[in-house]
Amino acid sequence: MKKFADLLENSSENGFQLDESTSRGRGSMKVDSESGEIQSIEAKLVVKSDADMPNIEMDFTYKGSKLETSFSVTKGRFEDKRFYKKFSKMVEGVFDNVDSLENMIYTASNKDYAKVEKAFSKMGVNIKTDMV
């Protein structure tokens, strides 16, 4: 498993991209088949760390034009004070991604749900889309 320092080096101009070997998730998205409008999203992201840092977990729920996220850090320990700064950057990167994702969801119009799927995919979250 890659260390968080390696993750941080993988950041891109379009935001922080989480490495698939360290972040995983699943979710579902319901899209109106006629308008292409996103009806709801439920997803969970887990960012696994190495033994020197805690893991990050985020839940996403989008219903009725409102996105709710919950953030938690699993029990863990920092073996060395150096990891605090790296972990802080990691958390900041995750929140930046969530902000971008939130804006994308709110501004998604007809057929733009594919962009939202792609954004989740870059974070390591596999989204199953159902047309309703």
Protein backbone atom coordinates (compact mmCIF):
# COMPACT_ATOMS: atom_id res chain seq x y z
CA MET A 1 0.00 0.00 0.00
CA LYS A 2 1.32 3.45 -0.85
CA LYS A 3 2.08 5.96 1.86
CA PHE A 4 0.25 9.26 2.16
CA ALA A 5 3.38 11.11 1.01
CA ASP A 6 3.04 9.29 -2.33
CA LEU A 7 -0.63 10.23 -2.46
CA LEU A 8 0.16 13.88 -1.99
CA GLU A 9 2.57 13.83 -4.91
CA ASN A 10 -0.28 12.57 -7.12
CA SER A 11 -2.35 15.73 -6.74
CA SER A 12 -3.40 17.27 -10.04
CA GLU A 13 -4.35 20.72 -11.31
CA ASN A 14 -8.02 19.74 -11.32
CA GLY A 15 -8.00 18.91 -7.64
CA PHE A 16 -6.69 16.22 -5.42
CA GLN A 17 -6.95 12.79 -6.96
CA LEU A 18 -6.92 9.93 -4.49
CA ASP A 19 -4.89 6.88 -5.40
CA GLU A 20 -7.12 3.86 -6.04
CA SER A 21 -4.86 1.58 -4.01
CA THR A 22 -5.59 3.60 -0.89
CA SER A 23 -9.14 4.83 -1.41
CA ARG A 24 -12.16 2.73 -2.11
CA GLY A 25 -15.86 3.25 -2.06
CA ARG A 26 -19.24 2.23 -3.33
CA GLY A 27 -22.40 4.07 -4.02
CA SER A 28 -25.51 4.46 -6.09
CA MET A 29 -27.01 7.31 -8.06
CA LYS A 30 -30.58 7.59 -9.33
CA VAL A 31 -31.09 9.69 -12.45
CA ASP A 32 -34.37 10.75 -14.06
CA SER A 33 -34.43 8.90 -17.40
CA GLU A 34 -36.26 11.70 -19.20
CA SER A 35 -34.53 14.84 -17.93
CA GLY A 36 -31.14 13.37 -16.98
CA GLU A 37 -31.42 15.14 -13.62
CA ILE A 38 -29.77 13.54 -10.60
CA GLN A 39 -32.46 12.45 -8.14
CA SER A 40 -30.32 10.98 -5.37
CA ILE A 41 -26.83 9.79 -4.50
CA GLU A 42 -25.66 7.60 -1.66
CA ALA A 43 -21.96 6.77 -1.42
CA LYS A 44 -19.21 5.91 1.03
CA LEU A 45 -15.49 6.61 0.65
CA VAL A 46 -12.82 4.98 2.80
CA VAL A 47 -9.25 6.25 2.52
CA LYS A 48 -6.91 3.65 3.97
CA SER A 49 -3.67 4.81 5.48
CA ASP A 50 -0.52 2.98 6.33
CA ALA A 51 0.07 1.81 9.89
CA ASP A 52 1.40 5.24 10.89
CA MET A 53 -1.84 7.18 10.46
CA PRO A 54 -5.62 6.80 10.96
CA ASN A 55 -8.04 6.07 8.11
CA ILE A 56 -10.60 8.57 6.78
CA GLU A 57 -14.24 7.68 6.12
CA MET A 58 -16.82 9.86 4.36
CA ASP A 59 -20.49 9.29 3.64
CA PHE A 60 -22.30 11.23 0.91
CA THR A 61 -26.08 11.59 0.70
CA TYR A 62 -27.77 13.76 -1.91
CA LYS A 63 -31.56 14.05 -1.91
CA GLY A 64 -33.91 16.90 -2.64
CA SER A 65 -31.13 19.17 -3.96
CA LYS A 66 -29.17 18.93 -0.71
CA LEU A 67 -25.81 17.19 -0.29
CA GLU A 68 -24.93 15.98 3.17
CA THR A 69 -21.54 14.58 4.05
CA SER A 70 -20.26 13.01 7.21
CA PHE A 71 -16.58 12.73 7.97
CA SER A 72 -14.86 10.49 10.49
CA VAL A 73 -11.36 9.42 11.31
CA THR A 74 -10.85 5.91 12.57
CA LYS A 75 -8.86 5.20 15.66
CA GLY A 76 -5.21 5.28 14.91
CA ARG A 77 -1.95 6.65 16.05
CA PHE A 78 0.74 8.83 14.62
CA GLU A 79 4.10 7.13 14.99
CA ASP A 80 5.93 10.33 14.25
CA LYS A 81 5.00 14.03 14.42
CA ARG A 82 5.97 14.38 10.74
CA PHE A 83 2.79 12.55 9.82
CA TYR A 84 0.51 15.23 11.31
CA LYS A 85 1.36 17.64 8.49
CA LYS A 86 0.96 14.95 5.81
CA PHE A 87 -2.33 13.82 7.31
CA SER A 88 -3.59 17.42 7.47
CA LYS A 89 -2.79 17.89 3.77
CA MET A 90 -4.57 14.63 3.01
CA VAL A 91 -7.71 15.72 4.85
CA GLU A 92 -7.56 19.13 3.16
CA GLY A 93 -7.31 17.42 -0.23
CA VAL A 94 -10.32 15.23 0.51
CA PHE A 95 -12.39 18.28 1.49
CA ASP A 96 -11.30 20.16 -1.65
CA ASN A 97 -12.51 17.21 -3.71
CA VAL A 98 -15.81 17.20 -1.85
CA ASP A 99 -16.28 20.94 -2.51
CA SER A 100 -15.68 20.42 -6.23
CA LEU A 101 -18.00 17.44 -6.26
CA GLU A 102 -20.72 19.38 -4.45
CA ASN A 103 -20.53 22.22 -6.99
CA MET A 104 -20.64 19.73 -9.84
CA ILE A 105 -23.74 18.01 -8.43
CA TYR A 106 -25.60 21.29 -7.89
CA THR A 107 -24.82 22.58 -11.39
CA ALA A 108 -25.40 19.27 -13.20
CA SER A 109 -28.03 19.65 -15.88
CA ASN A 110 -29.28 17.29 -18.57
CA LYS A 111 -26.95 14.33 -19.01
CA ASP A 112 -24.20 15.88 -16.82
CA TYR A 113 -24.53 13.03 -14.36
CA ALA A 114 -21.67 11.29 -16.20
CA LYS A 115 -19.31 14.03 -14.97
CA VAL A 116 -20.43 13.36 -11.41
CA GLU A 117 -19.78 9.62 -11.92
CA LYS A 118 -16.31 10.43 -13.21
CA ALA A 119 -15.56 12.72 -10.24
CA PHE A 120 -16.54 9.96 -7.81
CA SER A 121 -14.44 7.50 -9.81
CA LYS A 122 -11.36 9.74 -9.46
CA MET A 123 -11.87 9.55 -5.70
CA GLY A 124 -12.00 5.74 -5.90
CA VAL A 125 -15.77 5.45 -5.45
CA ASN A 126 -17.56 3.02 -7.78
CA ILE A 127 -21.02 4.48 -8.49
CA LYS A 128 -23.86 2.34 -9.87
CA THR A 129 -26.28 4.51 -11.85
CA ASP A 130 -29.95 3.60 -12.12
CA MET A 131 -32.22 5.39 -14.58
CA VAL A 132 -35.65 5.89 -13.00
